[in-house]
C-alpha atoms as a PDB file:
ATOM      1  CA  MET A   1    -134.550 171.031-104.047  1.00  0.00           C
ATOM      2  CA  ASN A   2    -135.840 169.405-100.894  1.00  0.00           C
ATOM      3  CA  HIS A   3    -133.160 169.210 -98.203  1.00  0.00           C
ATOM      4  CA  GLN A   4    -133.784 165.457 -97.950  1.00  0.00           C
ATOM      5  CA  ASP A   5    -132.977 164.918-101.639  1.00  0.00           C
ATOM      6  CA  HIS A   6    -129.693 163.088-102.059  1.00  0.00           C
ATOM      7  CA  LEU A   7    -129.147 162.891 -98.318  1.00  0.00           C
ATOM      8  CA  PHE A   8    -127.589 159.425 -98.363  1.00  0.00           C
ATOM      9  CA  HIS A   9    -127.185 156.917-101.196  1.00  0.00           C
ATOM     10  CA  ALA A  10    -125.145 153.718-101.067  1.00  0.00           C
ATOM     11  CA  GLY A  11    -124.077 151.564-103.996  1.00  0.00           C
ATOM     12  CA  GLU A  12    -121.599 148.929-104.949  1.00  0.00           C
ATOM     13  CA  ALA A  13    -120.489 147.050-108.028  1.00  0.00           C
ATOM     14  CA  THR A  14    -118.057 144.345-109.000  1.00  0.00           C
ATOM     15  CA  VAL A  15    -116.294 144.179-112.357  1.00  0.00           C
ATOM     16  CA  LEU A  16    -114.085 141.152-112.845  1.00  0.00           C
ATOM     17  CA  ALA A  17    -110.552 141.183-114.180  1.00  0.00           C
ATOM     18  CA  ARG A  18    -109.634 139.627-117.462  1.00  0.00           C
ATOM     19  CA  GLU A  19    -108.263 136.083-117.292  1.00  0.00           C
ATOM     20  CA  GLY A  20    -104.950 135.827-115.452  1.00  0.00           C
ATOM     21  CA  GLN A  21    -105.217 139.182-113.689  1.00  0.00           C
ATOM     22  CA  PHE A  22    -105.992 140.095-110.070  1.00  0.00           C
ATOM     23  CA  THR A  23    -107.506 143.450-111.009  1.00  0.00           C
ATOM     24  CA  ASP A  24    -111.096 142.814-109.914  1.00  0.00           C
ATOM     25  CA  ALA A  25    -112.720 146.079-108.842  1.00  0.00           C
ATOM     26  CA  MET A  26    -115.451 146.312-106.230  1.00  0.00           C
ATOM     27  CA  PRO A  27    -115.983 149.895-105.059  1.00  0.00           C
ATOM     28  CA  GLU A  28    -118.457 150.655-102.310  1.00  0.00           C
ATOM     29  CA  ILE A  29    -119.848 154.151-102.754  1.00  0.00           C
ATOM     30  CA  LEU A  30    -121.551 156.641-100.468  1.00  0.00           C
ATOM     31  CA  ILE A  31    -122.870 159.725-102.207  1.00  0.00           C
ATOM     32  CA  GLY A  32    -124.799 162.484-100.541  1.00  0.00           C
ATOM     33  CA  ARG A  33    -125.110 166.148 -99.760  1.00  0.00           C
ATOM     34  CA  THR A  34    -122.126 167.964 -98.317  1.00  0.00           C
ATOM     35  CA  ASP A  35    -124.363 169.279 -95.511  1.00  0.00           C
ATOM     36  CA  GLY A  36    -125.655 165.804 -94.580  1.00  0.00           C
ATOM     37  CA  PRO A  37    -124.253 162.620 -93.038  1.00  0.00           C
ATOM     38  CA  VAL A  38    -122.100 161.765 -96.072  1.00  0.00           C
ATOM     39  CA  GLY A  39    -120.566 165.247 -95.964  1.00  0.00           C
ATOM     40  CA  GLN A  40    -119.852 164.820 -92.254  1.00  0.00           C
ATOM     41  CA  ALA A  41    -118.217 161.431 -92.835  1.00  0.00           C
ATOM     42  CA  PHE A  42    -116.218 162.927 -95.719  1.00  0.00           C
ATOM     43  CA  ALA A  43    -114.894 165.738 -93.513  1.00  0.00           C
ATOM     44  CA  ASN A  44    -114.074 163.303 -90.704  1.00  0.00           C
ATOM     45  CA  MET A  45    -112.064 161.122 -93.090  1.00  0.00           C
ATOM     46  CA  MET A  46    -109.911 164.120 -93.985  1.00  0.00           C
ATOM     47  CA  ALA A  47    -108.840 164.379 -90.351  1.00  0.00           C
ATOM     48  CA  GLN A  48    -107.823 160.733 -89.913  1.00  0.00           C
ATOM     49  CA  SER A  49    -104.157 160.243 -89.198  1.00  0.00           C
ATOM     50  CA  LYS A  50    -104.177 156.463 -88.651  1.00  0.00           C
ATOM     51  CA  GLY A  51    -105.431 153.554 -90.688  1.00  0.00           C
ATOM     52  CA  HIS A  52    -105.947 153.347 -94.414  1.00  0.00           C
ATOM     53  CA  THR A  53    -104.589 156.194 -96.485  1.00  0.00           C
ATOM     54  CA  ALA A  54    -107.338 158.292 -98.034  1.00  0.00           C
ATOM     55  CA  MET A  55    -106.903 160.701-100.915  1.00  0.00           C
ATOM     56  CA  PHE A  56    -108.986 162.872-103.187  1.00  0.00           C
ATOM     57  CA  ALA A  57    -109.865 161.641-106.639  1.00  0.00           C
ATOM     58  CA  ILE A  58    -108.047 163.918-109.044  1.00  0.00           C
ATOM     59  CA  ARG A  59    -107.752 163.643-112.818  1.00  0.00           C
ATOM     60  CA  ALA A  60    -104.341 165.305-112.716  1.00  0.00           C
ATOM     61  CA  CYS A  61    -102.570 167.782-110.483  1.00  0.00           C
ATOM     62  CA  ASN A  62    -104.888 170.740-109.859  1.00  0.00           C
ATOM     63  CA  GLN A  63    -107.860 168.821-111.302  1.00  0.00           C
ATOM     64  CA  LEU A  64    -109.949 167.708-108.293  1.00  0.00           C
ATOM     65  CA  VAL A  65    -113.146 166.127-109.571  1.00  0.00           C
ATOM     66  CA  ARG A  66    -116.630 167.334-108.688  1.00  0.00           C
ATOM     67  CA  PRO A  67    -118.441 166.089-106.734  1.00  0.00           C
ATOM     68  CA  ALA A  68    -115.427 166.033-104.435  1.00  0.00           C
ATOM     69  CA  THR A  69    -114.535 162.386-103.968  1.00  0.00           C
ATOM     70  CA  ILE A  70    -112.345 160.699-101.407  1.00  0.00           C
ATOM     71  CA  ILE A  71    -111.003 157.226-102.124  1.00  0.00           C
ATOM     72  CA  VAL A  72    -110.024 154.850 -99.347  1.00  0.00           C
ATOM     73  CA  PRO A  73    -108.427 151.421 -99.829  1.00  0.00           C
ATOM     74  CA  LYS A  74    -110.206 148.442 -98.263  1.00  0.00           C
ATOM     75  CA  VAL A  75    -106.835 146.902 -97.380  1.00  0.00           C
ATOM     76  CA  THR A  76    -103.813 148.458 -95.721  1.00  0.00           C
ATOM     77  CA  LEU A  77    -101.293 149.491 -98.353  1.00  0.00           C
ATOM     78  CA  LYS A  78     -98.019 148.295 -96.903  1.00  0.00           C
ATOM     79  CA  ASP A  79     -95.564 149.212 -99.633  1.00  0.00           C
ATOM     80  CA  SER A  80     -94.843 151.897-102.190  1.00  0.00           C
ATOM     81  CA  ALA A  81     -95.861 149.654-105.108  1.00  0.00           C
ATOM     82  CA  ASN A  82     -99.431 149.360-103.773  1.00  0.00           C
ATOM     83  CA  VAL A  83     -99.555 153.048-102.868  1.00  0.00           C
ATOM     84  CA  GLU A  84     -98.476 153.885-106.429  1.00  0.00           C
ATOM     85  CA  LEU A  85    -101.252 151.700-107.897  1.00  0.00           C
ATOM     86  CA  PHE A  86    -103.788 153.312-105.576  1.00  0.00           C
ATOM     87  CA  GLY A  87    -102.622 156.868-106.256  1.00  0.00           C
ATOM     88  CA  GLY A  88    -102.114 156.208-109.953  1.00  0.00           C
ATOM     89  CA  VAL A  89    -104.286 153.760-111.847  1.00  0.00           C
ATOM     90  CA  VAL A  90    -107.102 153.474-109.290  1.00  0.00           C
ATOM     91  CA  GLN A  91    -107.239 157.195-108.555  1.00  0.00           C
ATOM     92  CA  SER A  92    -107.270 158.006-112.272  1.00  0.00           C
ATOM     93  CA  ALA A  93    -109.978 155.446-113.088  1.00  0.00           C
ATOM     94  CA  THR A  94    -112.134 156.679-110.207  1.00  0.00           C
ATOM     95  CA  ALA A  95    -111.725 160.340-111.149  1.00  0.00           C
ATOM     96  CA  ASP A  96    -112.504 159.679-114.805  1.00  0.00           C
ATOM     97  CA  ALA A  97    -115.596 157.692-113.804  1.00  0.00           C
ATOM     98  CA  ILE A  98    -116.875 160.630-111.743  1.00  0.00           C
ATOM     99  CA  VAL A  99    -116.417 163.045-114.655  1.00  0.00           C
ATOM    100  CA  ASP A 100    -118.037 160.558-117.035  1.00  0.00           C
ATOM    101  CA  CYS A 101    -121.045 160.401-114.673  1.00  0.00           C
ATOM    102  CA  LEU A 102    -121.328 164.186-115.045  1.00  0.00           C
ATOM    103  CA  ILE A 103    -121.029 163.907-118.833  1.00  0.00           C
ATOM    104  CA  ASP A 104    -123.725 161.228-119.170  1.00  0.00           C
ATOM    105  CA  GLY A 105    -126.078 162.863-116.647  1.00  0.00           C
ATOM    106  CA  THR A 106    -125.884 160.153-113.980  1.00  0.00           C
ATOM    107  CA  ILE A 107    -124.851 162.985-111.662  1.00  0.00           C
ATOM    108  CA  ALA A 108    -126.570 166.275-112.428  1.00  0.00           C
ATOM    109  CA  LYS A 109    -124.015 169.016-113.131  1.00  0.00           C
ATOM    110  CA  SER A 110    -126.141 171.365-111.015  1.00  0.00           C
ATOM    111  CA  LEU A 111    -125.430 169.140-107.984  1.00  0.00           C
ATOM    112  CA  ALA A 112    -121.686 168.743-108.543  1.00  0.00           C
ATOM    113  CA  ASN A 113    -120.753 171.142-105.725  1.00  0.00           C
ATOM    114  CA  GLU A 114    -123.552 170.090-103.361  1.00  0.00           C
ATOM    115  CA  LEU A 115    -122.674 166.389-103.273  1.00  0.00           C
ATOM    116  CA  CYS A 116    -119.623 164.465-102.154  1.00  0.00           C
ATOM    117  CA  ILE A 117    -118.581 160.860-102.620  1.00  0.00           C
ATOM    118  CA  ILE A 118    -116.707 158.371-100.474  1.00  0.00           C
ATOM    119  CA  SER A 119    -115.414 155.367-102.401  1.00  0.00           C
ATOM    120  CA  LEU A 120    -113.944 152.340-100.671  1.00  0.00           C
ATOM    121  CA  VAL A 121    -111.792 150.541-103.225  1.00  0.00           C
ATOM    122  CA  TRP A 122    -110.225 147.103-103.397  1.00  0.00           C
ATOM    123  CA  ILE A 123    -106.682 146.466-104.536  1.00  0.00           C
ATOM    124  CA  ASP A 124    -105.732 142.818-104.497  1.00  0.00           C
ATOM    125  CA  PRO A 125    -102.339 142.698-102.731  1.00  0.00           C
ATOM    126  CA  ARG A 126    -101.080 140.353-105.478  1.00  0.00           C
ATOM    127  CA  CYS A 127    -101.287 143.146-108.085  1.00  0.00           C
ATOM    128  CA  ALA A 128     -98.188 145.013-106.968  1.00  0.00           C
ATOM    129  CA  LYS A 129     -96.091 141.825-107.083  1.00  0.00           C
ATOM    130  CA  ASP A 130     -97.433 140.592-110.427  1.00  0.00           C
ATOM    131  CA  PRO A 131     -94.780 141.097-113.154  1.00  0.00           C
ATOM    132  CA  ASN A 132     -97.553 140.717-115.739  1.00  0.00           C
ATOM    133  CA  LEU A 133     -99.911 143.243-114.144  1.00  0.00           C
ATOM    134  CA  ASP A 134    -102.120 144.806-116.805  1.00  0.00           C
ATOM    135  CA  LYS A 135    -102.652 148.377-115.609  1.00  0.00           C
ATOM    136  CA  LYS A 136    -105.085 149.018-118.464  1.00  0.00           C
ATOM    137  CA  ASP A 137    -107.264 146.197-117.132  1.00  0.00           C
ATOM    138  CA  MET A 138    -106.983 147.624-113.620  1.00  0.00           C
ATOM    139  CA  TYR A 139    -108.109 150.998-115.001  1.00  0.00           C
ATOM    140  CA  ARG A 140    -110.977 149.352-116.926  1.00  0.00           C
ATOM    141  CA  THR A 141    -112.340 147.412-113.972  1.00  0.00           C
ATOM    142  CA  ASN A 142    -112.142 150.361-111.571  1.00  0.00           C
ATOM    143  CA  HIS A 143    -113.639 152.802-114.085  1.00  0.00           C
ATOM    144  CA  GLU A 144    -116.560 150.529-115.019  1.00  0.00           C
ATOM    145  CA  ALA A 145    -117.272 149.480-111.438  1.00  0.00           C
ATOM    146  CA  THR A 146    -117.198 153.048-110.112  1.00  0.00           C
ATOM    147  CA  ARG A 147    -119.639 154.267-112.766  1.00  0.00           C
ATOM    148  CA  LEU A 148    -121.947 151.333-112.083  1.00  0.00           C
ATOM    149  CA  ALA A 149    -121.760 151.768-108.292  1.00  0.00           C
ATOM    150  CA  ILE A 150    -122.648 155.466-108.581  1.00  0.00           C
ATOM    151  CA  ARG A 151    -125.541 154.727-110.927  1.00  0.00           C
ATOM    152  CA  ARG A 152    -126.837 152.030-108.563  1.00  0.00           C
ATOM    153  CA  ALA A 153    -126.450 154.326-105.553  1.00  0.00           C
ATOM    154  CA  LEU A 154    -128.396 157.179-107.114  1.00  0.00           C
ATOM    155  CA  ARG A 155    -131.129 154.802-108.332  1.00  0.00           C
ATOM    156  CA  ASN A 156    -131.297 152.972-104.976  1.00  0.00           C
ATOM    157  CA  GLU A 157    -130.521 149.656-106.664  1.00  0.00           C
ATOM    158  CA  PRO A 158    -131.137 146.883-106.044  1.00  0.00           C
ATOM    159  CA  SER A 159    -134.668 147.681-104.949  1.00  0.00           C
ATOM    160  CA  VAL A 160    -136.200 146.148-101.858  1.00  0.00           C
ATOM    161  CA  ASP A 161    -138.568 144.156-104.092  1.00  0.00           C
ATOM    162  CA  GLU A 162    -135.628 142.766-106.088  1.00  0.00           C
ATOM    163  CA  LEU A 163    -133.800 141.759-102.903  1.00  0.00           C
ATOM    164  CA  ILE A 164    -136.884 139.986-101.579  1.00  0.00           C
ATOM    165  CA  ALA A 165    -137.549 138.233-104.906  1.00  0.00           C
ATOM    166  CA  ASN A 166    -133.942 136.992-105.055  1.00  0.00           C
ATOM    167  CA  ARG A 167    -133.590 136.013-101.384  1.00  0.00           C
ATOM    168  CA  HIS A 168    -133.506 132.281-102.106  1.00  0.00           C
ATOM    169  CA  LYS A 169    -132.309 132.480-105.718  1.00  0.00           C
ATOM    170  CA  ILE A 170    -128.972 134.285-105.401  1.00  0.00           C
ATOM    171  CA  ARG A 171    -126.173 132.983-103.201  1.00  0.00           C
ATOM    172  CA  HIS A 172    -123.161 134.815-101.786  1.00  0.00           C
ATOM    173  CA  ASP A 173    -120.227 134.631-104.197  1.00  0.00           C
ATOM    174  CA  MET A 174    -117.693 133.384-101.670  1.00  0.00           C
ATOM    175  CA  ASP A 175    -119.819 130.682-100.043  1.00  0.00           C
ATOM    176  CA  ASP A 176    -123.389 129.982 -99.062  1.00  0.00           C
ATOM    177  CA  TRP A 177    -124.058 129.930 -95.352  1.00  0.00           C
ATOM    178  CA  SER A 178    -127.853 130.055 -95.623  1.00  0.00           C
END
């Protein structure tokens, strides 16, 4: 394999919650070689002592996924309820998505120990306070979005041609400033 292969791939995806839930998932993924810039960023994140809490994606105790994956919340988790969602449902969905990418060939098994992943994940602060929170929906959105973000990252999607073709056709979801 050429040393430049899989040096740096970025991807993102959004999967919307079912009606009445705040469980939208929108992971932003970096995937790359452990001996490249993604590996360096991964190692640096392990040493952070301030800011957003980062943790490995594990399927269960003693079951760290491969490629090694670190998940980082996009918002500061200020209470134990949010930390529990992050280290429970979101961590589980992310870890399962990584393993499913190995199963379906999105990530080559032969590269599982040569790559690493950084996943920035969104948890809507309203989730922890919602008495009707559907954790299965939170799992679904995070699982689907993580798989899609990884697939897009490794395929370099959207392509430059697609971005150019859609420049004046697609508007930002929150508002259009153009």
